[in-house]
Amino acid sequence: MNDQASQRIFETEIVDSVEPPPKAPPLAGPPAGAAPRQRDYLEGFLSRQPEPAAEGDEALRDAVIAALREIFDPEIPVNIYDLGLVYGVGIKDGHVTITMTLTTPHCPVAESMPAEVEIRTMAVPGVASAEVQLVWDPPWDPSMMSDEARLELGML
């Protein structure tokens, strides 16, 4: 193979400006004669009080947290619960919803970690179904770690 065949030639064009793409048309408003929608959607959300946990739910929650403490971040020798990656564990009628994040969106286990959390949660006796919600807000930072995790990592 000669040098000319292995080389690629790129051409570039230098321009002074580019016309912006057209904007999308505005969304249609309310039908003619209808009153505009009031901003009441937060009123019900903010006035709703959390339901008290049933006695069985508290024991199940403790068992789920114990299972989460057995899952370790592969890059950091600390479990995901003490690392502060789990933001919430909700339980209703045996259905467990875990809200969690990862240390970064580019974490190498971004695809496998939520599945592992779901599988380990489903293995807890009393769990009928499990759902893992991966969120990025608020972003994780080291201040979310427990004291045990900080001690393990030599940060205390």
N, C-alpha and C. Protein backbone atom coordinates (compact mmCIF):
# COMPACT_ATOMS: atom_id res chain seq x y z
N MET A 1 0.85 -1.17 0.00
CA MET A 1 0.00 0.00 0.00
C MET A 1 0.90 1.24 0.00
N ASN A 2 0.66 2.13 -0.92
CA ASN A 2 1.51 3.32 -0.98
C ASN A 2 0.98 4.42 -0.06
N ASP A 3 1.78 5.46 0.13
CA ASP A 3 1.42 6.53 1.05
C ASP A 3 0.20 7.32 0.59
N GLN A 4 0.03 7.50 -0.71
CA GLN A 4 -1.10 8.28 -1.21
C GLN A 4 -2.42 7.57 -0.98
N ALA A 5 -2.46 6.27 -1.07
CA ALA A 5 -3.70 5.52 -0.88
C ALA A 5 -4.11 5.51 0.58
N SER A 6 -3.17 5.57 1.52
CA SER A 6 -3.50 5.52 2.93
C SER A 6 -3.83 6.89 3.52
N GLN A 7 -3.62 7.96 2.77
CA GLN A 7 -3.91 9.30 3.25
C GLN A 7 -5.31 9.72 2.84
N ARG A 8 -5.98 10.40 3.73
CA ARG A 8 -7.30 10.94 3.42
C ARG A 8 -7.15 12.44 3.21
N ILE A 9 -7.88 12.95 2.29
CA ILE A 9 -7.82 14.38 2.00
C ILE A 9 -9.15 15.00 2.41
N PHE A 10 -9.08 16.02 3.24
CA PHE A 10 -10.27 16.73 3.70
C PHE A 10 -10.23 18.14 3.14
N GLU A 11 -11.40 18.59 2.73
CA GLU A 11 -11.51 19.97 2.27
C GLU A 11 -12.33 20.73 3.29
N THR A 12 -11.94 21.93 3.58
CA THR A 12 -12.69 22.77 4.51
C THR A 12 -13.13 24.03 3.79
N GLU A 13 -14.25 24.54 4.24
CA GLU A 13 -14.79 25.76 3.66
C GLU A 13 -14.87 26.79 4.76
N ILE A 14 -14.34 27.95 4.55
CA ILE A 14 -14.37 29.02 5.53
C ILE A 14 -15.52 29.95 5.16
N VAL A 15 -16.41 30.17 6.13
CA VAL A 15 -17.55 31.04 5.88
C VAL A 15 -17.57 32.15 6.92
N ASP A 16 -18.20 33.26 6.56
CA ASP A 16 -18.30 34.40 7.48
C ASP A 16 -19.50 34.26 8.42
N SER A 17 -20.58 33.70 7.92
CA SER A 17 -21.76 33.53 8.76
C SER A 17 -22.64 32.43 8.18
N VAL A 18 -23.54 31.95 9.02
CA VAL A 18 -24.47 30.90 8.62
C VAL A 18 -25.87 31.35 9.02
N GLU A 19 -26.83 31.16 8.16
CA GLU A 19 -28.21 31.54 8.46
C GLU A 19 -28.77 30.56 9.49
N PRO A 20 -29.38 31.07 10.57
CA PRO A 20 -29.91 30.16 11.59
C PRO A 20 -31.08 29.35 11.03
N PRO A 21 -31.29 28.16 11.57
CA PRO A 21 -32.41 27.35 11.11
C PRO A 21 -33.73 28.00 11.51
N PRO A 22 -34.82 27.69 10.82
CA PRO A 22 -36.11 28.30 11.17
C PRO A 22 -36.60 27.80 12.53
N LYS A 23 -37.31 28.67 13.24
CA LYS A 23 -37.84 28.31 14.55
C LYS A 23 -39.14 27.54 14.39
N ALA A 24 -39.43 26.71 15.38
CA ALA A 24 -40.67 25.94 15.37
C ALA A 24 -41.84 26.89 15.57
N PRO A 25 -43.00 26.58 14.99
CA PRO A 25 -44.17 27.45 15.20
C PRO A 25 -44.61 27.38 16.66
N PRO A 26 -45.24 28.43 17.18
CA PRO A 26 -45.68 28.40 18.58
C PRO A 26 -46.77 27.35 18.78
N LEU A 27 -46.84 26.85 20.01
CA LEU A 27 -47.87 25.87 20.35
C LEU A 27 -49.24 26.54 20.32
N ALA A 28 -50.23 25.78 19.97
CA ALA A 28 -51.59 26.31 19.93
C ALA A 28 -52.04 26.61 21.35
N GLY A 29 -52.72 27.72 21.52
CA GLY A 29 -53.25 28.11 22.83
C GLY A 29 -54.55 27.39 23.11
N PRO A 30 -55.28 27.81 24.15
CA PRO A 30 -56.55 27.17 24.47
C PRO A 30 -57.55 27.42 23.35
N PRO A 31 -58.54 26.55 23.21
CA PRO A 31 -59.55 26.74 22.17
C PRO A 31 -60.24 28.09 22.32
N ALA A 32 -60.76 28.60 21.23
CA ALA A 32 -61.43 29.90 21.25
C ALA A 32 -62.58 29.87 22.25
N GLY A 33 -62.67 30.87 23.09
CA GLY A 33 -63.73 30.98 24.07
C GLY A 33 -63.43 30.28 25.38
N ALA A 34 -62.39 29.47 25.45
CA ALA A 34 -62.05 28.75 26.69
C ALA A 34 -61.15 29.63 27.55
N ALA A 35 -61.33 29.49 28.85
CA ALA A 35 -60.50 30.25 29.78
C ALA A 35 -59.11 29.62 29.82
N PRO A 36 -58.06 30.42 29.94
CA PRO A 36 -56.71 29.84 30.03
C PRO A 36 -56.58 29.03 31.31
N ARG A 37 -55.74 28.04 31.27
CA ARG A 37 -55.54 27.16 32.42
C ARG A 37 -54.86 27.91 33.54
N GLN A 38 -55.36 27.71 34.72
CA GLN A 38 -54.78 28.33 35.91
C GLN A 38 -53.57 27.53 36.36
N ARG A 39 -52.62 28.18 36.97
CA ARG A 39 -51.43 27.49 37.45
C ARG A 39 -51.71 26.90 38.82
N ASP A 40 -52.49 25.82 38.83
CA ASP A 40 -52.87 25.18 40.07
C ASP A 40 -52.16 23.85 40.30
N TYR A 41 -51.33 23.47 39.38
CA TYR A 41 -50.75 22.14 39.47
C TYR A 41 -49.83 21.96 40.67
N LEU A 42 -49.23 23.02 41.18
CA LEU A 42 -48.37 22.88 42.36
C LEU A 42 -49.16 22.88 43.65
N GLU A 43 -50.35 23.47 43.63
CA GLU A 43 -51.15 23.58 44.84
C GLU A 43 -51.42 22.21 45.46
N GLY A 44 -51.90 21.26 44.67
CA GLY A 44 -52.19 19.93 45.18
C GLY A 44 -50.92 19.19 45.56
N PHE A 45 -49.87 19.39 44.80
CA PHE A 45 -48.60 18.72 45.08
C PHE A 45 -48.02 19.17 46.41
N LEU A 46 -48.05 20.47 46.67
CA LEU A 46 -47.44 21.00 47.89
C LEU A 46 -48.30 20.74 49.12
N SER A 47 -49.60 20.60 48.96
CA SER A 47 -50.46 20.40 50.12
C SER A 47 -50.55 18.94 50.53
N ARG A 48 -50.12 18.03 49.68
CA ARG A 48 -50.20 16.60 49.97
C ARG A 48 -49.18 16.22 51.05
N GLN A 49 -49.64 15.49 52.04
CA GLN A 49 -48.78 15.05 53.13
C GLN A 49 -48.35 13.61 52.89
N PRO A 50 -47.15 13.23 53.31
CA PRO A 50 -46.73 11.84 53.12
C PRO A 50 -47.59 10.90 53.97
N GLU A 51 -47.83 9.72 53.41
CA GLU A 51 -48.61 8.73 54.13
C GLU A 51 -47.72 8.07 55.19
N PRO A 52 -48.26 7.83 56.37
CA PRO A 52 -47.44 7.16 57.39
C PRO A 52 -47.12 5.73 56.94
N ALA A 53 -45.93 5.30 57.26
CA ALA A 53 -45.50 3.96 56.87
C ALA A 53 -46.20 2.91 57.72
N ALA A 54 -46.62 1.85 57.07
CA ALA A 54 -47.21 0.74 57.80
C ALA A 54 -46.09 0.01 58.56
N GLU A 55 -46.46 -0.74 59.59
CA GLU A 55 -45.44 -1.41 60.40
C GLU A 55 -44.61 -2.38 59.56
N GLY A 56 -45.26 -3.12 58.68
CA GLY A 56 -44.54 -4.07 57.83
C GLY A 56 -43.63 -3.38 56.84
N ASP A 57 -44.05 -2.17 56.39
CA ASP A 57 -43.24 -1.43 55.42
C ASP A 57 -41.90 -1.01 56.02
N GLU A 58 -41.89 -0.68 57.30
CA GLU A 58 -40.64 -0.25 57.94
C GLU A 58 -39.63 -1.40 58.02
N ALA A 59 -40.12 -2.59 58.33
CA ALA A 59 -39.23 -3.75 58.38
C ALA A 59 -38.74 -4.11 56.99
N LEU A 60 -39.62 -4.00 55.98
CA LEU A 60 -39.23 -4.27 54.60
C LEU A 60 -38.23 -3.23 54.11
N ARG A 61 -38.43 -1.98 54.51
CA ARG A 61 -37.49 -0.91 54.13
C ARG A 61 -36.10 -1.19 54.69
N ASP A 62 -36.04 -1.62 55.95
CA ASP A 62 -34.75 -1.96 56.56
C ASP A 62 -34.07 -3.11 55.83
N ALA A 63 -34.87 -4.10 55.40
CA ALA A 63 -34.31 -5.25 54.67
C ALA A 63 -33.80 -4.82 53.30
N VAL A 64 -34.52 -3.91 52.64
CA VAL A 64 -34.08 -3.41 51.33
C VAL A 64 -32.78 -2.62 51.49
N ILE A 65 -32.70 -1.78 52.50
CA ILE A 65 -31.47 -1.00 52.74
C ILE A 65 -30.30 -1.93 53.04
N ALA A 66 -30.56 -3.00 53.79
CA ALA A 66 -29.49 -3.97 54.06
C ALA A 66 -29.00 -4.61 52.76
N ALA A 67 -29.93 -4.88 51.84
CA ALA A 67 -29.53 -5.44 50.54
C ALA A 67 -28.74 -4.43 49.73
N LEU A 68 -29.13 -3.15 49.80
CA LEU A 68 -28.41 -2.11 49.06
C LEU A 68 -27.00 -1.92 49.61
N ARG A 69 -26.83 -2.18 50.89
CA ARG A 69 -25.51 -2.05 51.51
C ARG A 69 -24.56 -3.16 51.09
N GLU A 70 -25.08 -4.17 50.38
CA GLU A 70 -24.23 -5.24 49.87
C GLU A 70 -23.75 -4.98 48.45
N ILE A 71 -24.20 -3.87 47.84
CA ILE A 71 -23.80 -3.52 46.47
C ILE A 71 -22.71 -2.47 46.57
N PHE A 72 -21.56 -2.77 45.99
CA PHE A 72 -20.41 -1.86 46.09
C PHE A 72 -20.13 -1.20 44.75
N ASP A 73 -19.71 0.05 44.82
CA ASP A 73 -19.25 0.74 43.62
C ASP A 73 -17.94 0.08 43.22
N PRO A 74 -17.78 -0.30 41.95
CA PRO A 74 -16.56 -1.02 41.56
C PRO A 74 -15.29 -0.20 41.65
N GLU A 75 -15.40 1.12 41.63
CA GLU A 75 -14.20 1.96 41.66
C GLU A 75 -13.88 2.47 43.05
N ILE A 76 -14.87 2.45 43.94
CA ILE A 76 -14.70 2.96 45.29
C ILE A 76 -15.11 1.83 46.24
N PRO A 77 -14.29 1.47 47.21
CA PRO A 77 -14.60 0.32 48.08
C PRO A 77 -15.65 0.64 49.15
N VAL A 78 -16.77 1.24 48.74
CA VAL A 78 -17.83 1.61 49.67
C VAL A 78 -19.16 1.21 49.03
N ASN A 79 -20.11 0.76 49.84
CA ASN A 79 -21.41 0.37 49.28
C ASN A 79 -22.18 1.60 48.82
N ILE A 80 -23.13 1.37 47.90
CA ILE A 80 -23.83 2.50 47.26
C ILE A 80 -24.71 3.27 48.23
N TYR A 81 -25.20 2.62 49.28
CA TYR A 81 -26.06 3.33 50.24
C TYR A 81 -25.23 4.31 51.07
N ASP A 82 -24.12 3.84 51.63
CA ASP A 82 -23.26 4.73 52.43
C ASP A 82 -22.55 5.76 51.57
N LEU A 83 -22.38 5.45 50.30
CA LEU A 83 -21.76 6.41 49.38
C LEU A 83 -22.69 7.58 49.09
N GLY A 84 -23.97 7.42 49.41
CA GLY A 84 -24.95 8.49 49.20
C GLY A 84 -25.57 8.47 47.82
N LEU A 85 -25.46 7.34 47.12
CA LEU A 85 -26.03 7.26 45.78
C LEU A 85 -27.53 6.97 45.81
N VAL A 86 -28.03 6.45 46.92
CA VAL A 86 -29.46 6.17 47.05
C VAL A 86 -30.13 7.37 47.70
N TYR A 87 -31.03 8.00 46.95
CA TYR A 87 -31.73 9.19 47.46
C TYR A 87 -33.02 8.85 48.20
N GLY A 88 -33.63 7.73 47.85
CA GLY A 88 -34.88 7.38 48.53
C GLY A 88 -35.30 5.95 48.27
N VAL A 89 -35.98 5.37 49.26
CA VAL A 89 -36.55 4.03 49.15
C VAL A 89 -38.02 4.17 49.54
N GLY A 90 -38.89 4.02 48.53
CA GLY A 90 -40.32 4.11 48.78
C GLY A 90 -40.96 2.74 48.68
N ILE A 91 -41.88 2.44 49.59
CA ILE A 91 -42.54 1.14 49.60
C ILE A 91 -44.04 1.35 49.74
N LYS A 92 -44.78 0.69 48.85
CA LYS A 92 -46.24 0.74 48.94
C LYS A 92 -46.78 -0.60 48.46
N ASP A 93 -47.44 -1.31 49.34
CA ASP A 93 -48.05 -2.62 49.03
C ASP A 93 -47.05 -3.59 48.42
N GLY A 94 -45.84 -3.63 48.93
CA GLY A 94 -44.83 -4.56 48.44
C GLY A 94 -44.08 -4.09 47.22
N HIS A 95 -44.50 -2.96 46.62
CA HIS A 95 -43.77 -2.39 45.47
C HIS A 95 -42.72 -1.42 46.00
N VAL A 96 -41.48 -1.64 45.63
CA VAL A 96 -40.37 -0.82 46.11
C VAL A 96 -39.89 0.07 44.97
N THR A 97 -39.79 1.36 45.24
CA THR A 97 -39.25 2.32 44.28
C THR A 97 -37.98 2.90 44.88
N ILE A 98 -36.87 2.72 44.17
CA ILE A 98 -35.58 3.25 44.64
C ILE A 98 -35.17 4.37 43.72
N THR A 99 -34.95 5.53 44.31
CA THR A 99 -34.46 6.68 43.57
C THR A 99 -32.98 6.80 43.87
N MET A 100 -32.17 6.77 42.82
CA MET A 100 -30.72 6.79 43.03
C MET A 100 -30.03 7.55 41.91
N THR A 101 -28.75 7.77 42.11
CA THR A 101 -27.91 8.41 41.10
C THR A 101 -26.62 7.63 41.02
N LEU A 102 -25.72 8.11 40.21
CA LEU A 102 -24.37 7.55 40.11
C LEU A 102 -23.38 8.67 40.37
N THR A 103 -22.12 8.32 40.58
CA THR A 103 -21.13 9.36 40.88
C THR A 103 -21.00 10.35 39.73
N THR A 104 -21.08 9.88 38.49
CA THR A 104 -21.07 10.76 37.31
C THR A 104 -21.95 10.13 36.24
N PRO A 105 -22.48 10.93 35.32
CA PRO A 105 -23.26 10.36 34.21
C PRO A 105 -22.43 9.43 33.33
N HIS A 106 -21.11 9.59 33.35
CA HIS A 106 -20.23 8.77 32.51
C HIS A 106 -19.66 7.59 33.28
N CYS A 107 -20.31 7.23 34.38
CA CYS A 107 -19.85 6.12 35.21
C CYS A 107 -19.83 4.84 34.39
N PRO A 108 -18.78 4.04 34.49
CA PRO A 108 -18.70 2.81 33.69
C PRO A 108 -19.81 1.81 33.98
N VAL A 109 -20.46 1.90 35.14
CA VAL A 109 -21.53 0.96 35.46
C VAL A 109 -22.92 1.59 35.29
N ALA A 110 -23.00 2.66 34.52
CA ALA A 110 -24.28 3.36 34.34
C ALA A 110 -25.36 2.45 33.77
N GLU A 111 -24.99 1.48 32.97
CA GLU A 111 -25.99 0.59 32.39
C GLU A 111 -26.27 -0.61 33.30
N SER A 112 -25.29 -1.10 34.01
CA SER A 112 -25.48 -2.32 34.80
C SER A 112 -25.90 -2.07 36.25
N MET A 113 -25.53 -0.95 36.84
CA MET A 113 -25.83 -0.71 38.26
C MET A 113 -27.33 -0.67 38.56
N PRO A 114 -28.15 0.08 37.81
CA PRO A 114 -29.59 0.07 38.12
C PRO A 114 -30.20 -1.33 38.03
N ALA A 115 -29.77 -2.13 37.07
CA ALA A 115 -30.29 -3.49 36.95
C ALA A 115 -29.87 -4.33 38.15
N GLU A 116 -28.64 -4.18 38.61
CA GLU A 116 -28.19 -4.93 39.77
C GLU A 116 -28.97 -4.53 41.02
N VAL A 117 -29.24 -3.23 41.17
CA VAL A 117 -30.01 -2.76 42.31
C VAL A 117 -31.42 -3.36 42.27
N GLU A 118 -32.02 -3.40 41.08
CA GLU A 118 -33.36 -3.97 40.95
C GLU A 118 -33.36 -5.47 41.27
N ILE A 119 -32.39 -6.20 40.77
CA ILE A 119 -32.30 -7.64 41.01
C ILE A 119 -32.11 -7.93 42.50
N ARG A 120 -31.21 -7.21 43.14
CA ARG A 120 -30.95 -7.43 44.57
C ARG A 120 -32.16 -7.06 45.42
N THR A 121 -32.88 -6.02 45.00
CA THR A 121 -34.08 -5.61 45.74
C THR A 121 -35.18 -6.66 45.60
N MET A 122 -35.33 -7.20 44.39
CA MET A 122 -36.34 -8.23 44.16
C MET A 122 -36.05 -9.50 44.97
N ALA A 123 -34.81 -9.72 45.35
CA ALA A 123 -34.43 -10.91 46.12
C ALA A 123 -34.79 -10.81 47.59
N VAL A 124 -35.16 -9.61 48.04
CA VAL A 124 -35.53 -9.42 49.45
C VAL A 124 -36.92 -10.02 49.68
N PRO A 125 -37.07 -10.89 50.68
CA PRO A 125 -38.39 -11.48 50.96
C PRO A 125 -39.41 -10.39 51.29
N GLY A 126 -40.58 -10.46 50.67
CA GLY A 126 -41.64 -9.48 50.90
C GLY A 126 -41.74 -8.44 49.81
N VAL A 127 -40.76 -8.37 48.91
CA VAL A 127 -40.81 -7.41 47.80
C VAL A 127 -41.55 -8.06 46.65
N ALA A 128 -42.66 -7.44 46.24
CA ALA A 128 -43.46 -7.97 45.13
C ALA A 128 -42.92 -7.49 43.79
N SER A 129 -42.49 -6.24 43.74
CA SER A 129 -41.91 -5.68 42.52
C SER A 129 -40.96 -4.56 42.90
N ALA A 130 -40.07 -4.24 41.99
CA ALA A 130 -39.09 -3.19 42.27
C ALA A 130 -38.89 -2.34 41.03
N GLU A 131 -38.65 -1.07 41.26
CA GLU A 131 -38.39 -0.12 40.17
C GLU A 131 -37.25 0.78 40.61
N VAL A 132 -36.30 0.98 39.73
CA VAL A 132 -35.17 1.87 40.02
C VAL A 132 -35.29 3.09 39.13
N GLN A 133 -35.32 4.24 39.76
CA GLN A 133 -35.37 5.50 39.03
C GLN A 133 -34.00 6.16 39.14
N LEU A 134 -33.32 6.29 38.00
CA LEU A 134 -32.00 6.90 37.97
C LEU A 134 -32.17 8.38 37.71
N VAL A 135 -31.71 9.22 38.61
CA VAL A 135 -31.85 10.67 38.48
C VAL A 135 -30.47 11.33 38.53
N TRP A 136 -30.40 12.53 38.02
CA TRP A 136 -29.13 13.27 38.01
C TRP A 136 -29.24 14.58 38.78
N ASP A 137 -30.40 14.85 39.35
CA ASP A 137 -30.60 16.09 40.08
C ASP A 137 -31.15 15.74 41.45
N PRO A 138 -30.51 16.06 42.53
CA PRO A 138 -29.26 16.80 42.62
C PRO A 138 -28.07 15.92 42.26
N PRO A 139 -27.05 16.53 41.67
CA PRO A 139 -25.87 15.73 41.32
C PRO A 139 -25.15 15.26 42.59
N TRP A 140 -24.56 14.06 42.48
CA TRP A 140 -23.85 13.50 43.62
C TRP A 140 -22.56 14.26 43.87
N ASP A 141 -22.22 14.43 45.15
CA ASP A 141 -20.90 14.96 45.51
C ASP A 141 -20.48 14.29 46.81
N PRO A 142 -19.19 14.33 47.15
CA PRO A 142 -18.68 13.60 48.32
C PRO A 142 -19.34 13.97 49.65
N SER A 143 -19.99 15.14 49.74
CA SER A 143 -20.64 15.51 51.00
C SER A 143 -21.85 14.62 51.31
N MET A 144 -22.31 13.85 50.34
CA MET A 144 -23.47 12.97 50.54
C MET A 144 -23.08 11.63 51.18
N MET A 145 -21.80 11.38 51.34
CA MET A 145 -21.35 10.13 51.93
C MET A 145 -21.62 10.11 53.43
N SER A 146 -21.86 8.91 53.96
CA SER A 146 -22.03 8.75 55.40
C SER A 146 -20.66 8.87 56.08
N ASP A 147 -20.68 9.01 57.39
CA ASP A 147 -19.43 9.08 58.13
C ASP A 147 -18.63 7.79 58.00
N GLU A 148 -19.36 6.65 57.93
CA GLU A 148 -18.68 5.37 57.77
C GLU A 148 -17.92 5.31 56.45
N ALA A 149 -18.54 5.86 55.39
CA ALA A 149 -17.89 5.86 54.08
C ALA A 149 -16.66 6.77 54.10
N ARG A 150 -16.80 7.93 54.72
CA ARG A 150 -15.66 8.85 54.80
C ARG A 150 -14.51 8.24 55.59
N LEU A 151 -14.85 7.53 56.65
CA LEU A 151 -13.83 6.87 57.46
C LEU A 151 -13.12 5.79 56.64
N GLU A 152 -13.89 5.01 55.87
CA GLU A 152 -13.33 3.96 55.02
C GLU A 152 -12.37 4.51 53.98
N LEU A 153 -12.71 5.71 53.47
CA LEU A 153 -11.88 6.32 52.42
C LEU A 153 -10.80 7.25 52.97
N GLY A 154 -10.69 7.32 54.30
CA GLY A 154 -9.65 8.16 54.91
C GLY A 154 -9.93 9.65 54.80
N MET A 155 -11.21 10.02 54.74
CA MET A 155 -11.57 11.43 54.60
C MET A 155 -11.95 12.06 55.94
N LEU A 156 -11.88 11.30 57.03
CA LEU A 156 -12.19 11.84 58.37
C LEU A 156 -10.95 11.96 59.19
